């Protein structure tokens, strides 16, 4: 279900495998208790989420205090997140900012609206991904449900393996939490510390080689 990327007394960063839910599902082992047992703590706390189809970097707190600190950083948008996405369709524009309100559609899907009362905001750039595919680097500034998946569909590029939004069938959903960085301190008597993680995808037959200039994505979007 996962592998460990980093661990300290306040949090653990894991590589969540694709097709693993962050919530317990019937007939499947729960991810969070499995992580807690693996690292030898009583409990880990969810401070942000990844969709079941999404692989990659997931940050989990190891105490209620750390969870409060990290949740506050997510709420104030002080944690930068970057994702890789792959589509079989060329987008209507190769880069830019996608902004719009989101509303519920049918069967658990979401739709992007032209209104901007409380909008989702996603910046992206893209390059050729081989065999007619398009590889995207995405930075969501907000944390709406299915945000990147809906944003990519809105520009004509539903993600490969994302049957919710009309993506081509594949061995997995091609969305990966690639980069994560933030600065914080967990106690008033501590100096602030910077944390930065980049994790290329390791699961999926269709991922192309990443361009060297994307090795450190934080300055790109």
N, C-alpha and C. Protein backbone atom coordinates (compact mmCIF):
# COMPACT_ATOMS: atom_id res chain seq x y z
N UNK A 1 0.81 -1.21 0.00
CA UNK A 1 0.00 0.00 0.00
C UNK A 1 0.84 1.26 0.00
N UNK A 2 2.07 1.21 0.52
CA UNK A 2 2.86 2.41 0.66
C UNK A 2 4.33 2.04 0.89
N UNK A 3 5.18 3.05 0.75
CA UNK A 3 6.56 2.95 1.21
C UNK A 3 6.90 4.25 1.91
N UNK A 4 7.90 4.21 2.80
CA UNK A 4 8.28 5.39 3.57
C UNK A 4 9.25 6.25 2.78
N UNK A 5 8.96 7.55 2.71
CA UNK A 5 9.86 8.51 2.06
C UNK A 5 10.71 9.22 3.10
N UNK A 6 10.08 9.64 4.21
CA UNK A 6 10.79 10.33 5.29
C UNK A 6 9.97 10.22 6.56
N UNK A 7 10.67 10.32 7.69
CA UNK A 7 9.99 10.20 8.98
C UNK A 7 10.77 10.98 10.03
N UNK A 8 10.05 11.70 10.90
CA UNK A 8 10.65 12.32 12.07
C UNK A 8 9.65 12.26 13.21
N UNK A 9 9.90 12.96 14.29
CA UNK A 9 9.03 12.84 15.46
C UNK A 9 7.68 13.50 15.25
N UNK A 10 7.54 14.32 14.21
CA UNK A 10 6.30 15.06 14.01
C UNK A 10 5.44 14.51 12.88
N UNK A 11 6.05 13.97 11.86
CA UNK A 11 5.26 13.50 10.72
C UNK A 11 6.01 12.41 9.97
N UNK A 12 5.27 11.74 9.12
CA UNK A 12 5.85 10.76 8.20
C UNK A 12 5.34 11.11 6.80
N UNK A 13 6.23 11.01 5.82
CA UNK A 13 5.86 11.19 4.41
C UNK A 13 5.93 9.82 3.75
N UNK A 14 4.83 9.42 3.13
CA UNK A 14 4.82 8.12 2.46
C UNK A 14 4.61 8.30 0.96
N UNK A 15 4.97 7.29 0.22
CA UNK A 15 4.58 7.14 -1.17
C UNK A 15 3.35 6.25 -1.19
N UNK A 16 2.17 6.86 -1.31
CA UNK A 16 0.94 6.06 -1.37
C UNK A 16 0.83 5.44 -2.76
N UNK A 17 0.61 4.15 -2.80
CA UNK A 17 0.47 3.48 -4.08
C UNK A 17 -0.89 3.78 -4.71
N UNK A 18 -0.96 3.69 -6.02
CA UNK A 18 -2.23 3.93 -6.68
C UNK A 18 -3.23 2.84 -6.30
N UNK A 19 -4.51 3.16 -6.41
CA UNK A 19 -5.63 2.25 -6.09
C UNK A 19 -5.73 1.94 -4.61
N UNK A 20 -5.07 2.72 -3.77
CA UNK A 20 -5.18 2.58 -2.31
C UNK A 20 -5.96 3.78 -1.78
N UNK A 21 -7.02 3.52 -1.03
CA UNK A 21 -7.82 4.58 -0.46
C UNK A 21 -7.22 5.05 0.86
N UNK A 22 -7.32 6.36 1.13
CA UNK A 22 -6.85 6.86 2.43
C UNK A 22 -7.87 6.54 3.52
N UNK A 23 -9.07 6.14 3.11
CA UNK A 23 -10.10 5.74 4.06
C UNK A 23 -10.29 4.23 3.98
N UNK A 24 -10.72 3.66 5.09
CA UNK A 24 -10.94 2.21 5.11
C UNK A 24 -12.09 1.84 4.19
N UNK A 25 -11.89 0.80 3.41
CA UNK A 25 -12.93 0.29 2.54
C UNK A 25 -13.23 -1.16 2.92
N UNK A 26 -14.43 -1.60 2.59
CA UNK A 26 -14.81 -2.97 2.88
C UNK A 26 -13.84 -3.94 2.24
N UNK A 27 -13.41 -4.92 3.01
CA UNK A 27 -12.54 -6.00 2.54
C UNK A 27 -11.13 -5.53 2.19
N UNK A 28 -10.77 -4.30 2.59
CA UNK A 28 -9.42 -3.82 2.37
C UNK A 28 -8.83 -3.31 3.68
N UNK A 29 -7.56 -3.56 3.89
CA UNK A 29 -6.89 -3.06 5.09
C UNK A 29 -6.84 -1.54 5.03
N UNK A 30 -6.94 -0.90 6.18
CA UNK A 30 -6.91 0.55 6.26
C UNK A 30 -5.47 1.05 6.18
N UNK A 31 -5.26 2.09 5.38
CA UNK A 31 -3.92 2.62 5.16
C UNK A 31 -3.32 3.21 6.42
N UNK A 32 -4.05 4.10 7.11
CA UNK A 32 -3.47 4.83 8.23
C UNK A 32 -3.01 3.90 9.37
N UNK A 33 -3.84 2.94 9.81
CA UNK A 33 -3.34 2.01 10.83
C UNK A 33 -2.14 1.20 10.37
N UNK A 34 -2.08 0.89 9.08
CA UNK A 34 -0.93 0.14 8.56
C UNK A 34 0.34 0.97 8.64
N UNK A 35 0.24 2.27 8.32
CA UNK A 35 1.41 3.15 8.43
C UNK A 35 1.83 3.28 9.89
N UNK A 36 0.86 3.49 10.79
CA UNK A 36 1.17 3.63 12.22
C UNK A 36 1.89 2.39 12.75
N UNK A 37 1.38 1.22 12.39
CA UNK A 37 2.01 -0.02 12.85
C UNK A 37 3.42 -0.17 12.28
N UNK A 38 3.60 0.23 11.05
CA UNK A 38 4.90 0.09 10.39
C UNK A 38 5.97 0.96 11.06
N UNK A 39 5.60 2.18 11.46
CA UNK A 39 6.60 3.09 12.04
C UNK A 39 6.61 3.05 13.57
N UNK A 40 5.73 2.24 14.16
CA UNK A 40 5.77 2.03 15.60
C UNK A 40 5.16 3.14 16.44
N UNK A 41 4.09 3.79 15.93
CA UNK A 41 3.37 4.78 16.72
C UNK A 41 1.93 4.33 16.88
N UNK A 42 1.24 4.95 17.85
CA UNK A 42 -0.12 4.53 18.14
C UNK A 42 -1.08 4.93 17.02
N UNK A 43 -0.84 6.09 16.43
CA UNK A 43 -1.79 6.62 15.46
C UNK A 43 -1.10 7.62 14.55
N UNK A 44 -1.52 7.71 13.29
CA UNK A 44 -1.13 8.80 12.42
C UNK A 44 -2.39 9.55 12.01
N UNK A 45 -2.20 10.84 11.69
CA UNK A 45 -3.32 11.73 11.45
C UNK A 45 -3.29 12.24 10.01
N UNK A 46 -4.44 12.19 9.36
CA UNK A 46 -4.56 12.65 7.99
C UNK A 46 -4.71 14.17 7.99
N UNK A 47 -3.82 14.88 7.28
CA UNK A 47 -3.88 16.34 7.23
C UNK A 47 -4.19 16.85 5.82
N UNK A 48 -4.11 15.98 4.83
CA UNK A 48 -4.60 16.26 3.48
C UNK A 48 -4.91 14.91 2.84
N UNK A 49 -5.47 14.92 1.66
CA UNK A 49 -5.93 13.68 1.04
C UNK A 49 -5.40 13.52 -0.38
N UNK A 50 -5.32 12.27 -0.80
CA UNK A 50 -5.10 11.94 -2.20
C UNK A 50 -6.24 11.05 -2.65
N UNK A 51 -6.71 11.25 -3.87
CA UNK A 51 -7.72 10.35 -4.41
C UNK A 51 -7.19 8.92 -4.46
N UNK A 52 -8.10 7.98 -4.49
CA UNK A 52 -7.72 6.57 -4.53
C UNK A 52 -6.82 6.26 -5.73
N UNK A 53 -7.11 6.85 -6.89
CA UNK A 53 -6.32 6.56 -8.10
C UNK A 53 -4.95 7.24 -8.09
N UNK A 54 -4.75 8.21 -7.19
CA UNK A 54 -3.53 9.02 -7.19
C UNK A 54 -2.44 8.37 -6.35
N UNK A 55 -1.25 8.30 -6.90
CA UNK A 55 -0.10 7.81 -6.15
C UNK A 55 0.73 9.00 -5.66
N UNK A 56 1.74 8.70 -4.83
CA UNK A 56 2.72 9.72 -4.51
C UNK A 56 2.71 10.21 -3.08
N UNK A 57 3.21 11.42 -2.91
CA UNK A 57 3.55 11.97 -1.59
C UNK A 57 2.31 12.28 -0.76
N UNK A 58 2.23 11.63 0.40
CA UNK A 58 1.16 11.88 1.36
C UNK A 58 1.79 12.15 2.71
N UNK A 59 1.43 13.28 3.30
CA UNK A 59 1.98 13.73 4.57
C UNK A 59 1.02 13.36 5.69
N UNK A 60 1.53 12.66 6.70
CA UNK A 60 0.72 12.22 7.83
C UNK A 60 1.38 12.68 9.13
N UNK A 61 0.60 13.29 10.02
CA UNK A 61 1.13 13.73 11.31
C UNK A 61 1.15 12.56 12.28
N UNK A 62 2.08 12.61 13.25
CA UNK A 62 2.19 11.52 14.22
C UNK A 62 1.70 11.93 15.61
N UNK A 63 1.14 13.13 15.74
CA UNK A 63 0.52 13.56 17.01
C UNK A 63 -0.59 14.55 16.68
N UNK A 64 -1.50 14.75 17.63
CA UNK A 64 -2.59 15.69 17.40
C UNK A 64 -2.06 17.12 17.28
N UNK A 65 -1.00 17.43 18.04
CA UNK A 65 -0.42 18.77 17.94
C UNK A 65 0.19 19.01 16.55
N UNK A 66 0.97 18.06 16.07
CA UNK A 66 1.56 18.19 14.74
C UNK A 66 0.47 18.26 13.68
N UNK A 67 -0.61 17.50 13.86
CA UNK A 67 -1.72 17.52 12.92
C UNK A 67 -2.35 18.91 12.86
N UNK A 68 -2.47 19.56 14.02
CA UNK A 68 -3.04 20.90 14.07
C UNK A 68 -2.15 21.89 13.34
N UNK A 69 -0.83 21.79 13.55
CA UNK A 69 0.12 22.69 12.88
C UNK A 69 0.05 22.50 11.37
N UNK A 70 0.13 21.26 10.93
CA UNK A 70 0.16 20.98 9.49
C UNK A 70 -1.18 21.29 8.83
N UNK A 71 -2.27 21.00 9.51
CA UNK A 71 -3.59 21.33 8.95
C UNK A 71 -3.74 22.83 8.78
N UNK A 72 -3.17 23.58 9.74
CA UNK A 72 -3.19 25.04 9.62
C UNK A 72 -2.42 25.54 8.42
N UNK A 73 -1.28 24.89 8.12
CA UNK A 73 -0.50 25.28 6.95
C UNK A 73 -1.24 24.98 5.66
N UNK A 74 -1.91 23.83 5.61
CA UNK A 74 -2.71 23.52 4.42
C UNK A 74 -3.86 24.53 4.27
N UNK A 75 -4.52 24.85 5.39
CA UNK A 75 -5.66 25.77 5.34
C UNK A 75 -5.24 27.15 4.86
N UNK A 76 -4.04 27.59 5.25
CA UNK A 76 -3.55 28.91 4.85
C UNK A 76 -2.75 28.87 3.54
N UNK A 77 -2.72 27.69 2.91
CA UNK A 77 -2.08 27.50 1.60
C UNK A 77 -0.59 27.81 1.64
N UNK A 78 0.04 27.41 2.74
CA UNK A 78 1.48 27.60 2.89
C UNK A 78 2.26 26.34 2.53
N UNK A 79 1.57 25.29 2.14
CA UNK A 79 2.23 24.07 1.69
C UNK A 79 2.06 23.97 0.18
N UNK A 80 3.17 23.91 -0.53
CA UNK A 80 3.14 23.84 -1.99
C UNK A 80 3.06 22.38 -2.43
N UNK A 81 2.15 22.10 -3.35
CA UNK A 81 1.98 20.75 -3.88
C UNK A 81 2.09 20.79 -5.40
N UNK A 82 2.75 19.79 -5.95
CA UNK A 82 2.91 19.66 -7.39
C UNK A 82 2.56 18.24 -7.81
N UNK A 83 1.86 18.12 -8.92
CA UNK A 83 1.40 16.82 -9.41
C UNK A 83 1.84 16.61 -10.85
N UNK A 84 2.04 15.34 -11.20
CA UNK A 84 2.22 14.93 -12.58
C UNK A 84 0.92 14.29 -13.06
N UNK A 85 0.56 14.57 -14.30
CA UNK A 85 -0.65 13.99 -14.87
C UNK A 85 -0.39 13.67 -16.33
N UNK A 86 -1.06 12.65 -16.83
CA UNK A 86 -0.85 12.20 -18.21
C UNK A 86 -2.19 12.04 -18.90
N UNK A 87 -2.29 12.59 -20.10
CA UNK A 87 -3.53 12.50 -20.88
C UNK A 87 -3.21 12.00 -22.28
N UNK A 88 -4.19 11.36 -22.88
CA UNK A 88 -4.06 10.92 -24.27
C UNK A 88 -4.50 12.01 -25.24
N UNK A 89 -4.99 13.13 -24.71
CA UNK A 89 -5.54 14.20 -25.54
C UNK A 89 -4.74 15.49 -25.36
N UNK A 90 -4.47 16.16 -26.45
CA UNK A 90 -3.78 17.45 -26.38
C UNK A 90 -4.72 18.49 -25.75
N UNK A 91 -4.19 19.34 -24.88
CA UNK A 91 -5.03 20.37 -24.25
C UNK A 91 -5.32 21.52 -25.21
N UNK A 92 -6.36 22.27 -24.90
CA UNK A 92 -6.68 23.45 -25.70
C UNK A 92 -5.62 24.54 -25.55
N UNK A 93 -4.89 24.50 -24.43
CA UNK A 93 -3.74 25.39 -24.25
C UNK A 93 -2.66 24.61 -23.52
N UNK A 94 -1.40 24.89 -23.83
CA UNK A 94 -0.29 24.10 -23.31
C UNK A 94 0.11 24.47 -21.89
N UNK A 95 -0.25 25.66 -21.46
CA UNK A 95 0.06 26.08 -20.09
C UNK A 95 -0.90 27.19 -19.70
N UNK A 96 -0.98 27.46 -18.39
CA UNK A 96 -1.86 28.53 -17.97
C UNK A 96 -2.44 28.29 -16.60
N UNK A 97 -3.48 29.05 -16.29
CA UNK A 97 -4.17 28.98 -15.00
C UNK A 97 -5.63 28.65 -15.25
N UNK A 98 -6.13 27.62 -14.57
CA UNK A 98 -7.53 27.21 -14.70
C UNK A 98 -8.25 27.63 -13.42
N UNK A 99 -9.26 28.47 -13.56
CA UNK A 99 -9.96 29.04 -12.40
C UNK A 99 -11.47 28.89 -12.61
N UNK A 100 -12.15 28.40 -11.57
CA UNK A 100 -13.60 28.31 -11.65
C UNK A 100 -14.18 27.61 -10.44
N UNK A 101 -15.42 27.91 -10.13
CA UNK A 101 -16.11 27.19 -9.06
C UNK A 101 -16.34 25.74 -9.49
N UNK A 102 -16.48 24.87 -8.50
CA UNK A 102 -16.77 23.46 -8.78
C UNK A 102 -18.08 23.07 -8.14
N UNK A 103 -18.86 22.28 -8.86
CA UNK A 103 -20.14 21.82 -8.34
C UNK A 103 -20.26 20.32 -8.56
N UNK A 104 -21.04 19.65 -7.75
CA UNK A 104 -21.21 18.21 -7.87
C UNK A 104 -21.98 17.85 -9.13
N UNK A 105 -21.49 16.81 -9.81
CA UNK A 105 -22.20 16.27 -10.95
C UNK A 105 -22.90 14.97 -10.57
N UNK A 106 -22.95 14.04 -11.49
CA UNK A 106 -23.62 12.76 -11.23
C UNK A 106 -22.63 11.70 -10.79
N UNK A 107 -23.09 10.78 -9.95
CA UNK A 107 -22.33 9.61 -9.51
C UNK A 107 -20.97 9.99 -8.91
N UNK A 108 -20.96 11.05 -8.12
CA UNK A 108 -19.74 11.42 -7.40
C UNK A 108 -18.75 12.24 -8.19
N UNK A 109 -19.10 12.63 -9.41
CA UNK A 109 -18.19 13.45 -10.20
C UNK A 109 -18.41 14.93 -9.89
N UNK A 110 -17.51 15.76 -10.41
CA UNK A 110 -17.59 17.21 -10.22
C UNK A 110 -17.47 17.91 -11.57
N UNK A 111 -17.96 19.15 -11.60
CA UNK A 111 -17.89 19.95 -12.82
C UNK A 111 -17.28 21.31 -12.50
N UNK A 112 -16.56 21.86 -13.48
CA UNK A 112 -15.99 23.20 -13.35
C UNK A 112 -16.95 24.21 -13.97
N UNK A 113 -17.21 25.28 -13.25
CA UNK A 113 -18.12 26.32 -13.70
C UNK A 113 -17.33 27.56 -14.15
N UNK A 114 -18.00 28.45 -14.84
CA UNK A 114 -17.35 29.70 -15.25
C UNK A 114 -17.39 30.73 -14.12
N UNK A 115 -18.26 30.54 -13.14
CA UNK A 115 -18.34 31.47 -12.01
C UNK A 115 -17.10 31.34 -11.12
N UNK A 116 -16.83 32.37 -10.34
CA UNK A 116 -15.61 32.41 -9.53
C UNK A 116 -15.90 32.96 -8.13
N UNK A 117 -16.96 32.44 -7.50
CA UNK A 117 -17.31 32.88 -6.15
C UNK A 117 -16.35 32.30 -5.11
N UNK A 118 -16.05 31.01 -5.22
CA UNK A 118 -15.09 30.33 -4.34
C UNK A 118 -14.32 29.33 -5.21
N UNK A 119 -13.50 29.85 -6.12
CA UNK A 119 -13.01 29.00 -7.22
C UNK A 119 -11.85 28.08 -6.86
N UNK A 120 -11.77 26.97 -7.57
CA UNK A 120 -10.56 26.15 -7.61
C UNK A 120 -9.57 26.84 -8.53
N UNK A 121 -8.29 26.79 -8.15
CA UNK A 121 -7.24 27.44 -8.94
C UNK A 121 -6.12 26.43 -9.18
N UNK A 122 -5.81 26.17 -10.43
CA UNK A 122 -4.78 25.21 -10.80
C UNK A 122 -3.91 25.79 -11.91
N UNK A 123 -2.62 25.92 -11.64
CA UNK A 123 -1.69 26.36 -12.68
C UNK A 123 -1.01 25.12 -13.27
N UNK A 124 -0.73 25.14 -14.56
CA UNK A 124 -0.13 23.96 -15.19
C UNK A 124 0.76 24.35 -16.34
N UNK A 125 1.67 23.45 -16.66
CA UNK A 125 2.44 23.51 -17.90
C UNK A 125 2.47 22.09 -18.45
N UNK A 126 2.80 21.93 -19.73
CA UNK A 126 2.75 20.59 -20.31
C UNK A 126 3.77 20.46 -21.43
N UNK A 127 4.13 19.20 -21.68
CA UNK A 127 5.05 18.85 -22.76
C UNK A 127 4.54 17.58 -23.43
N UNK A 128 5.10 17.26 -24.58
CA UNK A 128 4.75 16.00 -25.25
C UNK A 128 5.15 14.83 -24.37
N UNK A 129 4.24 13.84 -24.27
CA UNK A 129 4.49 12.69 -23.41
C UNK A 129 4.71 11.40 -24.16
N UNK A 130 4.97 11.49 -25.46
CA UNK A 130 5.23 10.29 -26.25
C UNK A 130 3.97 9.64 -26.76
N UNK A 131 3.99 9.16 -28.00
CA UNK A 131 2.87 8.44 -28.62
C UNK A 131 1.58 9.25 -28.58
N UNK A 132 1.71 10.55 -28.81
CA UNK A 132 0.54 11.42 -28.87
C UNK A 132 -0.01 11.85 -27.53
N UNK A 133 0.61 11.43 -26.45
CA UNK A 133 0.14 11.79 -25.11
C UNK A 133 0.69 13.15 -24.69
N UNK A 134 0.12 13.69 -23.61
CA UNK A 134 0.57 14.97 -23.06
C UNK A 134 0.85 14.82 -21.58
N UNK A 135 2.04 15.23 -21.15
CA UNK A 135 2.44 15.16 -19.74
C UNK A 135 2.31 16.54 -19.12
N UNK A 136 1.63 16.60 -17.99
CA UNK A 136 1.36 17.86 -17.31
C UNK A 136 2.09 17.93 -15.97
N UNK A 137 2.56 19.11 -15.64
CA UNK A 137 2.99 19.45 -14.28
C UNK A 137 1.97 20.45 -13.76
N UNK A 138 1.32 20.11 -12.65
CA UNK A 138 0.21 20.92 -12.13
C UNK A 138 0.50 21.38 -10.71
N UNK A 139 0.13 22.61 -10.44
CA UNK A 139 0.21 23.14 -9.08
C UNK A 139 -1.17 23.64 -8.66
N UNK A 140 -1.86 22.90 -7.78
CA UNK A 140 -3.14 23.40 -7.28
C UNK A 140 -2.91 24.40 -6.14
N UNK A 141 -3.57 25.54 -6.24
CA UNK A 141 -3.48 26.54 -5.18
C UNK A 141 -4.59 26.35 -4.15
N UNK A 142 -5.58 25.56 -4.51
CA UNK A 142 -6.68 25.24 -3.61
C UNK A 142 -6.75 23.72 -3.48
N UNK A 143 -7.58 23.23 -2.60
CA UNK A 143 -7.64 21.79 -2.34
C UNK A 143 -9.02 21.19 -2.52
N UNK A 144 -9.63 21.46 -3.66
CA UNK A 144 -10.98 20.96 -3.93
C UNK A 144 -10.94 19.47 -4.33
N UNK A 145 -12.02 18.77 -4.05
CA UNK A 145 -12.15 17.36 -4.43
C UNK A 145 -12.04 17.21 -5.95
N UNK A 146 -11.17 16.29 -6.40
CA UNK A 146 -10.98 15.99 -7.83
C UNK A 146 -10.49 17.20 -8.62
N UNK A 147 -9.87 18.17 -7.96
CA UNK A 147 -9.58 19.45 -8.61
C UNK A 147 -8.77 19.31 -9.89
N UNK A 148 -7.65 18.60 -9.84
CA UNK A 148 -6.80 18.49 -11.03
C UNK A 148 -7.49 17.67 -12.11
N UNK A 149 -8.18 16.61 -11.73
CA UNK A 149 -8.87 15.77 -12.69
C UNK A 149 -9.93 16.58 -13.46
N UNK A 150 -10.67 17.40 -12.74
CA UNK A 150 -11.70 18.23 -13.35
C UNK A 150 -11.07 19.34 -14.20
N UNK A 151 -9.98 19.92 -13.69
CA UNK A 151 -9.30 20.98 -14.44
C UNK A 151 -8.78 20.47 -15.78
N UNK A 152 -8.17 19.28 -15.77
CA UNK A 152 -7.63 18.73 -17.01
C UNK A 152 -8.75 18.39 -18.00
N UNK A 153 -9.84 17.87 -17.50
CA UNK A 153 -10.98 17.59 -18.38
C UNK A 153 -11.51 18.89 -19.00
N UNK A 154 -11.47 19.97 -18.23
CA UNK A 154 -12.02 21.24 -18.72
C UNK A 154 -11.24 21.82 -19.89
N UNK A 155 -9.99 21.41 -20.06
CA UNK A 155 -9.19 21.89 -21.20
C UNK A 155 -9.05 20.80 -22.27
N UNK A 156 -9.91 19.78 -22.18
CA UNK A 156 -9.95 18.75 -23.21
C UNK A 156 -8.97 17.62 -23.04
N UNK A 157 -8.39 17.49 -21.81
CA UNK A 157 -7.37 16.46 -21.58
C UNK A 157 -7.68 15.63 -20.33
N UNK A 158 -8.78 14.83 -20.36
CA UNK A 158 -9.02 13.96 -19.21
C UNK A 158 -7.85 13.00 -19.02
N UNK A 159 -7.60 12.64 -17.78
CA UNK A 159 -6.41 11.84 -17.48
C UNK A 159 -6.59 10.39 -17.89
N UNK A 160 -5.53 9.82 -18.38
CA UNK A 160 -5.53 8.40 -18.75
C UNK A 160 -5.88 7.58 -17.51
N UNK A 161 -6.78 6.63 -17.67
CA UNK A 161 -7.18 5.76 -16.57
C UNK A 161 -8.23 6.34 -15.65
N UNK A 162 -8.71 7.54 -15.93
CA UNK A 162 -9.71 8.19 -15.07
C UNK A 162 -11.09 8.04 -15.71
N UNK A 163 -11.74 6.92 -15.42
CA UNK A 163 -13.02 6.65 -16.06
C UNK A 163 -14.13 7.57 -15.57
N UNK A 164 -13.96 8.21 -14.42
CA UNK A 164 -14.95 9.19 -13.94
C UNK A 164 -15.11 10.33 -14.93
N UNK A 165 -14.02 10.73 -15.55
CA UNK A 165 -14.03 11.93 -16.37
C UNK A 165 -13.67 11.67 -17.83
N UNK A 166 -13.89 10.43 -18.26
CA UNK A 166 -13.76 10.12 -19.68
C UNK A 166 -12.34 9.86 -20.15
N UNK A 167 -11.47 9.48 -19.25
CA UNK A 167 -10.11 9.17 -19.64
C UNK A 167 -9.99 7.81 -20.31
N UNK A 168 -8.96 7.64 -21.12
CA UNK A 168 -8.69 6.37 -21.79
C UNK A 168 -8.43 5.27 -20.77
N UNK A 169 -8.93 4.05 -20.97
CA UNK A 169 -8.65 2.95 -20.05
C UNK A 169 -7.15 2.65 -19.98
N UNK A 170 -6.67 2.29 -18.79
CA UNK A 170 -5.25 2.01 -18.60
C UNK A 170 -5.05 1.18 -17.34
N UNK A 171 -3.78 0.86 -17.06
CA UNK A 171 -3.45 0.03 -15.90
C UNK A 171 -3.62 0.77 -14.59
N UNK A 172 -3.76 2.11 -14.63
CA UNK A 172 -3.95 2.91 -13.42
C UNK A 172 -4.45 4.29 -13.83
N UNK A 173 -4.88 5.08 -12.86
CA UNK A 173 -5.17 6.48 -13.11
C UNK A 173 -3.87 7.27 -13.07
N UNK A 174 -3.60 8.04 -14.11
CA UNK A 174 -2.29 8.68 -14.26
C UNK A 174 -2.26 10.08 -13.64
N UNK A 175 -2.29 10.08 -12.30
CA UNK A 175 -2.11 11.28 -11.50
C UNK A 175 -1.21 10.92 -10.33
N UNK A 176 -0.16 11.74 -10.12
CA UNK A 176 0.87 11.40 -9.13
C UNK A 176 1.27 12.65 -8.36
N UNK A 177 1.23 12.56 -7.03
CA UNK A 177 1.67 13.66 -6.16
C UNK A 177 3.19 13.69 -6.16
N UNK A 178 3.77 14.65 -6.88
CA UNK A 178 5.18 14.63 -7.24
C UNK A 178 6.06 15.48 -6.32
N UNK A 179 5.59 16.63 -5.91
CA UNK A 179 6.41 17.53 -5.10
C UNK A 179 5.62 18.09 -3.93
N UNK A 180 6.32 18.32 -2.82
CA UNK A 180 5.69 18.83 -1.61
C UNK A 180 6.74 19.63 -0.86
N UNK A 181 6.43 20.88 -0.50
CA UNK A 181 7.39 21.63 0.30
C UNK A 181 6.67 22.63 1.21
N UNK A 182 7.29 22.86 2.36
CA UNK A 182 6.73 23.79 3.34
C UNK A 182 7.80 24.14 4.36
N UNK A 183 7.55 25.21 5.09
CA UNK A 183 8.41 25.64 6.19
C UNK A 183 7.56 25.79 7.43
N UNK A 184 8.00 25.21 8.54
CA UNK A 184 7.22 25.35 9.76
C UNK A 184 8.07 25.03 10.98
N UNK A 185 7.51 25.31 12.13
CA UNK A 185 8.08 24.87 13.40
C UNK A 185 6.95 24.30 14.24
N UNK A 186 7.27 23.31 15.02
CA UNK A 186 6.26 22.60 15.80
C UNK A 186 6.26 23.02 17.27
N UNK A 187 7.19 23.88 17.66
CA UNK A 187 7.24 24.42 19.02
C UNK A 187 7.77 25.84 18.96
N UNK A 188 7.32 26.70 19.88
CA UNK A 188 7.71 28.10 19.85
C UNK A 188 9.21 28.31 20.07
N UNK A 189 9.85 27.37 20.78
CA UNK A 189 11.27 27.52 21.07
C UNK A 189 12.16 26.88 20.00
N UNK A 190 11.56 26.47 18.89
CA UNK A 190 12.32 25.88 17.79
C UNK A 190 12.43 26.86 16.63
N UNK A 191 13.56 26.81 15.90
CA UNK A 191 13.62 27.59 14.66
C UNK A 191 12.76 26.92 13.58
N UNK A 192 12.27 27.73 12.67
CA UNK A 192 11.51 27.17 11.56
C UNK A 192 12.43 26.34 10.68
N UNK A 193 11.91 25.25 10.17
CA UNK A 193 12.69 24.36 9.31
C UNK A 193 11.98 24.17 7.99
N UNK A 194 12.77 24.09 6.92
CA UNK A 194 12.21 23.90 5.59
C UNK A 194 12.24 22.42 5.22
N UNK A 195 11.14 21.93 4.69
CA UNK A 195 11.02 20.54 4.25
C UNK A 195 10.65 20.52 2.77
N UNK A 196 11.32 19.70 1.99
CA UNK A 196 11.07 19.63 0.56
C UNK A 196 11.23 18.20 0.07
N UNK A 197 10.25 17.74 -0.71
CA UNK A 197 10.25 16.36 -1.20
C UNK A 197 9.86 16.34 -2.68
N UNK A 198 10.58 15.54 -3.45
CA UNK A 198 10.25 15.29 -4.85
C UNK A 198 10.32 13.79 -5.07
N UNK A 199 9.27 13.21 -5.63
CA UNK A 199 9.19 11.76 -5.78
C UNK A 199 8.65 11.41 -7.17
N UNK A 200 9.50 10.97 -8.09
CA UNK A 200 9.00 10.55 -9.41
C UNK A 200 8.10 9.31 -9.29
N UNK A 201 7.17 9.13 -10.20
CA UNK A 201 6.29 7.95 -10.15
C UNK A 201 7.06 6.66 -10.42
N UNK A 202 6.67 5.61 -9.73
CA UNK A 202 7.32 4.30 -9.91
C UNK A 202 6.34 3.23 -10.37
N UNK A 203 5.05 3.57 -10.45
CA UNK A 203 4.03 2.60 -10.85
C UNK A 203 3.31 3.13 -12.10
N UNK A 204 3.20 2.30 -13.10
CA UNK A 204 2.47 2.69 -14.30
C UNK A 204 3.31 2.48 -15.55
N UNK A 205 2.72 1.83 -16.54
CA UNK A 205 3.45 1.47 -17.75
C UNK A 205 3.65 2.65 -18.70
N UNK A 206 2.87 3.72 -18.55
CA UNK A 206 2.83 4.76 -19.57
C UNK A 206 3.58 6.03 -19.21
N UNK A 207 4.05 6.16 -17.98
CA UNK A 207 4.76 7.39 -17.63
C UNK A 207 5.99 7.56 -18.53
N UNK A 208 6.16 8.72 -19.14
CA UNK A 208 7.38 8.97 -19.93
C UNK A 208 8.51 9.42 -19.01
N UNK A 209 9.72 9.48 -19.54
CA UNK A 209 10.83 10.04 -18.79
C UNK A 209 10.54 11.52 -18.53
N UNK A 210 10.88 11.97 -17.32
CA UNK A 210 10.61 13.35 -16.97
C UNK A 210 11.73 14.25 -17.48
N UNK A 211 11.41 15.45 -17.92
CA UNK A 211 12.46 16.37 -18.36
C UNK A 211 13.31 16.81 -17.19
N UNK A 212 14.60 17.04 -17.44
CA UNK A 212 15.52 17.43 -16.37
C UNK A 212 15.06 18.70 -15.67
N UNK A 213 14.47 19.62 -16.44
CA UNK A 213 14.06 20.89 -15.83
C UNK A 213 12.90 20.72 -14.85
N UNK A 214 12.26 19.57 -14.83
CA UNK A 214 11.20 19.30 -13.85
C UNK A 214 11.73 18.60 -12.60
N UNK A 215 13.03 18.34 -12.52
CA UNK A 215 13.59 17.63 -11.37
C UNK A 215 13.34 18.39 -10.06
N UNK A 216 13.34 19.72 -10.12
CA UNK A 216 12.99 20.56 -8.97
C UNK A 216 11.85 21.45 -9.42
N UNK A 217 10.60 21.03 -9.19
CA UNK A 217 9.46 21.72 -9.81
C UNK A 217 9.06 23.02 -9.14
N UNK A 218 9.57 23.30 -7.95
CA UNK A 218 9.02 24.38 -7.13
C UNK A 218 9.18 25.77 -7.73
N UNK A 219 10.15 25.96 -8.60
CA UNK A 219 10.35 27.28 -9.20
C UNK A 219 9.69 27.42 -10.56
N UNK A 220 8.98 26.39 -10.99
CA UNK A 220 8.46 26.37 -12.36
C UNK A 220 7.06 26.94 -12.49
N UNK A 221 6.25 26.83 -11.45
CA UNK A 221 4.86 27.29 -11.51
C UNK A 221 4.53 28.20 -10.34
